[in-house]
């Protein structure tokens, strides 16, 4: 490939980067918002699931996770304090992986496909991308 083509491709990618980052933020923010609302609508079953995982104060934790996912998703969609919110989302997703999805963590290096298909993984990756990128509208 010629040097001019490579430079043109880099320039084009650099031009598109903010648009794709906003697209990622809005898409995953909406999904996270929906996930949080789903937890709010089913708090008793979420608390029962947390109880089965031996999570202390399961109803309080169910409210907390639903709140973080709902409000966090909304803030990520509008780009308001998205980096700050992504810290809490990262904590929630890592906690989910080490509680509800522990078997996938245990076989991470043996069968990474099992780990990569766990529900918290895309949300964790999204929160880390937001944390590492300037995706806030007001930063």
C-alpha atoms as a PDB file:
ATOM      1  CA  UNK A   1       0.000   0.000   0.000  1.00  0.00           C
ATOM      2  CA  UNK A   2       1.345   3.419  -0.836  1.00  0.00           C
ATOM      3  CA  UNK A   3       2.367   5.891   1.875  1.00  0.00           C
ATOM      4  CA  UNK A   4      -0.236   8.428   0.739  1.00  0.00           C
ATOM      5  CA  UNK A   5      -2.999   5.816   0.941  1.00  0.00           C
ATOM      6  CA  UNK A   6      -1.963   4.875   4.469  1.00  0.00           C
ATOM      7  CA  UNK A   7      -1.887   8.503   5.579  1.00  0.00           C
ATOM      8  CA  UNK A   8      -5.267   9.101   3.967  1.00  0.00           C
ATOM      9  CA  UNK A   9      -6.713   6.065   5.748  1.00  0.00           C
ATOM     10  CA  UNK A  10      -5.309   7.263   9.078  1.00  0.00           C
ATOM     11  CA  UNK A  11      -6.752  10.744   8.499  1.00  0.00           C
ATOM     12  CA  UNK A  12     -10.149   9.292   7.571  1.00  0.00           C
ATOM     13  CA  UNK A  13     -10.132   7.030  10.661  1.00  0.00           C
ATOM     14  CA  UNK A  14      -9.180   9.945  12.879  1.00  0.00           C
ATOM     15  CA  UNK A  15     -12.063  11.952  11.396  1.00  0.00           C
ATOM     16  CA  UNK A  16     -14.557   9.122  12.060  1.00  0.00           C
ATOM     17  CA  UNK A  17     -13.327   8.287  15.574  1.00  0.00           C
ATOM     18  CA  UNK A  18     -15.522  10.731  17.528  1.00  0.00           C
ATOM     19  CA  UNK A  19     -18.625   9.623  15.620  1.00  0.00           C
ATOM     20  CA  UNK A  20     -17.981   5.953  16.348  1.00  0.00           C
ATOM     21  CA  UNK A  21     -17.215   6.666  20.002  1.00  0.00           C
ATOM     22  CA  UNK A  22     -20.517   8.527  20.354  1.00  0.00           C
ATOM     23  CA  UNK A  23     -22.295   5.647  18.591  1.00  0.00           C
ATOM     24  CA  UNK A  24     -20.731   3.174  21.044  1.00  0.00           C
ATOM     25  CA  UNK A  25     -21.675   5.367  23.993  1.00  0.00           C
ATOM     26  CA  UNK A  26     -25.292   5.817  22.916  1.00  0.00           C
ATOM     27  CA  UNK A  27     -25.855   2.187  21.868  1.00  0.00           C
ATOM     28  CA  UNK A  28     -24.424   0.635  25.025  1.00  0.00           C
ATOM     29  CA  UNK A  29     -25.922   3.359  27.225  1.00  0.00           C
ATOM     30  CA  UNK A  30     -29.408   2.510  25.949  1.00  0.00           C
ATOM     31  CA  UNK A  31     -28.822  -1.208  26.542  1.00  0.00           C
ATOM     32  CA  UNK A  32     -27.541  -0.528  30.060  1.00  0.00           C
ATOM     33  CA  UNK A  33     -30.523   1.737  30.774  1.00  0.00           C
ATOM     34  CA  UNK A  34     -32.898  -1.022  29.652  1.00  0.00           C
ATOM     35  CA  UNK A  35     -31.072  -3.584  31.789  1.00  0.00           C
ATOM     36  CA  UNK A  36     -31.357  -1.338  34.841  1.00  0.00           C
ATOM     37  CA  UNK A  37     -35.042  -0.689  34.249  1.00  0.00           C
ATOM     38  CA  UNK A  38     -35.593  -4.433  33.907  1.00  0.00           C
ATOM     39  CA  UNK A  39     -34.049  -4.896  37.331  1.00  0.00           C
ATOM     40  CA  UNK A  40     -36.275  -2.169  38.807  1.00  0.00           C
ATOM     41  CA  UNK A  41     -39.364  -3.902  37.399  1.00  0.00           C
ATOM     42  CA  UNK A  42     -38.247  -7.237  38.909  1.00  0.00           C
ATOM     43  CA  UNK A  43     -36.564  -6.206  42.149  1.00  0.00           C
ATOM     44  CA  UNK A  44     -37.900  -9.155  44.132  1.00  0.00           C
ATOM     45  CA  UNK A  45     -36.521 -11.729  41.684  1.00  0.00           C
ATOM     46  CA  UNK A  46     -33.208  -9.858  41.430  1.00  0.00           C
ATOM     47  CA  UNK A  47     -32.989  -9.813  45.242  1.00  0.00           C
ATOM     48  CA  UNK A  48     -33.823 -13.533  45.339  1.00  0.00           C
ATOM     49  CA  UNK A  49     -31.058 -14.205  42.820  1.00  0.00           C
ATOM     50  CA  UNK A  50     -28.623 -12.132  44.895  1.00  0.00           C
ATOM     51  CA  UNK A  51     -29.707 -14.132  47.958  1.00  0.00           C
ATOM     52  CA  UNK A  52     -28.874 -17.372  46.119  1.00  0.00           C
ATOM     53  CA  UNK A  53     -25.389 -15.941  45.461  1.00  0.00           C
ATOM     54  CA  UNK A  54     -24.994 -15.142  49.183  1.00  0.00           C
ATOM     55  CA  UNK A  55     -24.680 -11.416  48.484  1.00  0.00           C
ATOM     56  CA  UNK A  56     -25.280  -9.483  51.726  1.00  0.00           C
ATOM     57  CA  UNK A  57     -28.317  -7.194  51.885  1.00  0.00           C
ATOM     58  CA  UNK A  58     -29.692  -8.561  48.617  1.00  0.00           C
ATOM     59  CA  UNK A  59     -32.632  -6.161  48.296  1.00  0.00           C
ATOM     60  CA  UNK A  60     -30.441  -3.133  48.983  1.00  0.00           C
ATOM     61  CA  UNK A  61     -27.906  -4.411  46.450  1.00  0.00           C
ATOM     62  CA  UNK A  62     -30.675  -5.029  43.917  1.00  0.00           C
ATOM     63  CA  UNK A  63     -31.816  -1.408  44.268  1.00  0.00           C
ATOM     64  CA  UNK A  64     -28.219  -0.176  44.067  1.00  0.00           C
ATOM     65  CA  UNK A  65     -27.379  -2.171  40.932  1.00  0.00           C
ATOM     66  CA  UNK A  66     -30.668  -1.185  39.267  1.00  0.00           C
ATOM     67  CA  UNK A  67     -29.993   2.467  40.102  1.00  0.00           C
ATOM     68  CA  UNK A  68     -26.396   2.395  38.832  1.00  0.00           C
ATOM     69  CA  UNK A  69     -27.402   0.684  35.599  1.00  0.00           C
ATOM     70  CA  UNK A  70     -30.442   2.900  34.962  1.00  0.00           C
ATOM     71  CA  UNK A  71     -28.958   6.271  35.877  1.00  0.00           C
ATOM     72  CA  UNK A  72     -25.538   5.291  34.562  1.00  0.00           C
ATOM     73  CA  UNK A  73     -27.044   4.231  31.245  1.00  0.00           C
ATOM     74  CA  UNK A  74     -28.955   7.503  30.995  1.00  0.00           C
ATOM     75  CA  UNK A  75     -25.862   9.581  31.763  1.00  0.00           C
ATOM     76  CA  UNK A  76     -23.817   7.609  29.261  1.00  0.00           C
ATOM     77  CA  UNK A  77     -26.439   8.157  26.550  1.00  0.00           C
ATOM     78  CA  UNK A  78     -26.467  11.921  27.063  1.00  0.00           C
ATOM     79  CA  UNK A  79     -22.707  12.069  27.657  1.00  0.00           C
ATOM     80  CA  UNK A  80     -22.946  13.646  31.089  1.00  0.00           C
ATOM     81  CA  UNK A  81     -20.205  12.565  33.528  1.00  0.00           C
ATOM     82  CA  UNK A  82     -19.885   9.360  31.509  1.00  0.00           C
ATOM     83  CA  UNK A  83     -16.343   8.712  32.684  1.00  0.00           C
ATOM     84  CA  UNK A  84     -17.308   9.078  36.336  1.00  0.00           C
ATOM     85  CA  UNK A  85     -20.348   6.819  35.908  1.00  0.00           C
ATOM     86  CA  UNK A  86     -18.280   4.225  34.061  1.00  0.00           C
ATOM     87  CA  UNK A  87     -16.254   3.654  37.247  1.00  0.00           C
ATOM     88  CA  UNK A  88     -19.380   2.450  39.059  1.00  0.00           C
ATOM     89  CA  UNK A  89     -20.507   0.379  36.084  1.00  0.00           C
ATOM     90  CA  UNK A  90     -17.083  -1.252  35.961  1.00  0.00           C
ATOM     91  CA  UNK A  91     -17.368  -2.157  39.649  1.00  0.00           C
ATOM     92  CA  UNK A  92     -20.872  -3.601  39.151  1.00  0.00           C
ATOM     93  CA  UNK A  93     -19.801  -5.672  36.141  1.00  0.00           C
ATOM     94  CA  UNK A  94     -16.652  -7.020  37.806  1.00  0.00           C
ATOM     95  CA  UNK A  95     -18.740  -7.929  40.854  1.00  0.00           C
ATOM     96  CA  UNK A  96     -21.278  -9.670  38.599  1.00  0.00           C
ATOM     97  CA  UNK A  97     -18.507 -11.644  36.927  1.00  0.00           C
ATOM     98  CA  UNK A  98     -17.023 -12.773  40.241  1.00  0.00           C
ATOM     99  CA  UNK A  99     -20.384 -13.743  41.736  1.00  0.00           C
ATOM    100  CA  UNK A 100     -22.995 -14.802  39.170  1.00  0.00           C
ATOM    101  CA  UNK A 101     -20.483 -15.743  36.471  1.00  0.00           C
ATOM    102  CA  UNK A 102     -17.645 -17.199  38.553  1.00  0.00           C
ATOM    103  CA  UNK A 103     -17.426 -20.470  36.559  1.00  0.00           C
ATOM    104  CA  UNK A 104     -16.637 -18.413  33.430  1.00  0.00           C
ATOM    105  CA  UNK A 105     -13.833 -16.639  35.289  1.00  0.00           C
ATOM    106  CA  UNK A 106     -12.429 -19.976  36.447  1.00  0.00           C
ATOM    107  CA  UNK A 107     -12.083 -21.263  32.867  1.00  0.00           C
ATOM    108  CA  UNK A 108     -11.004 -17.942  31.346  1.00  0.00           C
ATOM    109  CA  UNK A 109      -7.626 -19.216  30.158  1.00  0.00           C
ATOM    110  CA  UNK A 110      -8.859 -22.702  29.294  1.00  0.00           C
ATOM    111  CA  UNK A 111     -11.909 -21.620  27.280  1.00  0.00           C
ATOM    112  CA  UNK A 112     -12.054 -17.841  26.740  1.00  0.00           C
ATOM    113  CA  UNK A 113     -15.177 -18.221  24.590  1.00  0.00           C
ATOM    114  CA  UNK A 114     -17.215 -19.116  27.671  1.00  0.00           C
ATOM    115  CA  UNK A 115     -15.987 -15.953  29.409  1.00  0.00           C
ATOM    116  CA  UNK A 116     -16.618 -13.719  26.386  1.00  0.00           C
ATOM    117  CA  UNK A 117     -20.268 -14.798  26.125  1.00  0.00           C
ATOM    118  CA  UNK A 118     -21.178 -13.752  29.680  1.00  0.00           C
ATOM    119  CA  UNK A 119     -23.659 -10.847  29.865  1.00  0.00           C
ATOM    120  CA  UNK A 120     -21.481  -8.506  31.978  1.00  0.00           C
ATOM    121  CA  UNK A 121     -18.488  -8.711  29.615  1.00  0.00           C
ATOM    122  CA  UNK A 122     -19.774  -6.341  26.879  1.00  0.00           C
ATOM    123  CA  UNK A 123     -20.920  -3.853  29.511  1.00  0.00           C
ATOM    124  CA  UNK A 124     -17.534  -4.088  31.229  1.00  0.00           C
ATOM    125  CA  UNK A 125     -15.743  -3.495  27.926  1.00  0.00           C
ATOM    126  CA  UNK A 126     -18.041  -0.550  27.169  1.00  0.00           C
ATOM    127  CA  UNK A 127     -17.399   1.009  30.558  1.00  0.00           C
ATOM    128  CA  UNK A 128     -13.640   0.605  30.121  1.00  0.00           C
ATOM    129  CA  UNK A 129     -13.779   2.173  26.636  1.00  0.00           C
ATOM    130  CA  UNK A 130     -15.714   5.122  28.046  1.00  0.00           C
ATOM    131  CA  UNK A 131     -13.321   5.421  30.971  1.00  0.00           C
ATOM    132  CA  UNK A 132     -10.358   5.491  28.586  1.00  0.00           C
ATOM    133  CA  UNK A 133     -11.911   7.802  25.970  1.00  0.00           C
ATOM    134  CA  UNK A 134     -13.075  11.379  25.991  1.00  0.00           C
ATOM    135  CA  UNK A 135     -16.736  10.532  25.398  1.00  0.00           C
ATOM    136  CA  UNK A 136     -18.369  13.096  27.674  1.00  0.00           C
ATOM    137  CA  UNK A 137     -20.150  15.997  26.050  1.00  0.00           C
ATOM    138  CA  UNK A 138     -19.121  18.208  28.977  1.00  0.00           C
ATOM    139  CA  UNK A 139     -15.566  17.186  29.905  1.00  0.00           C
END
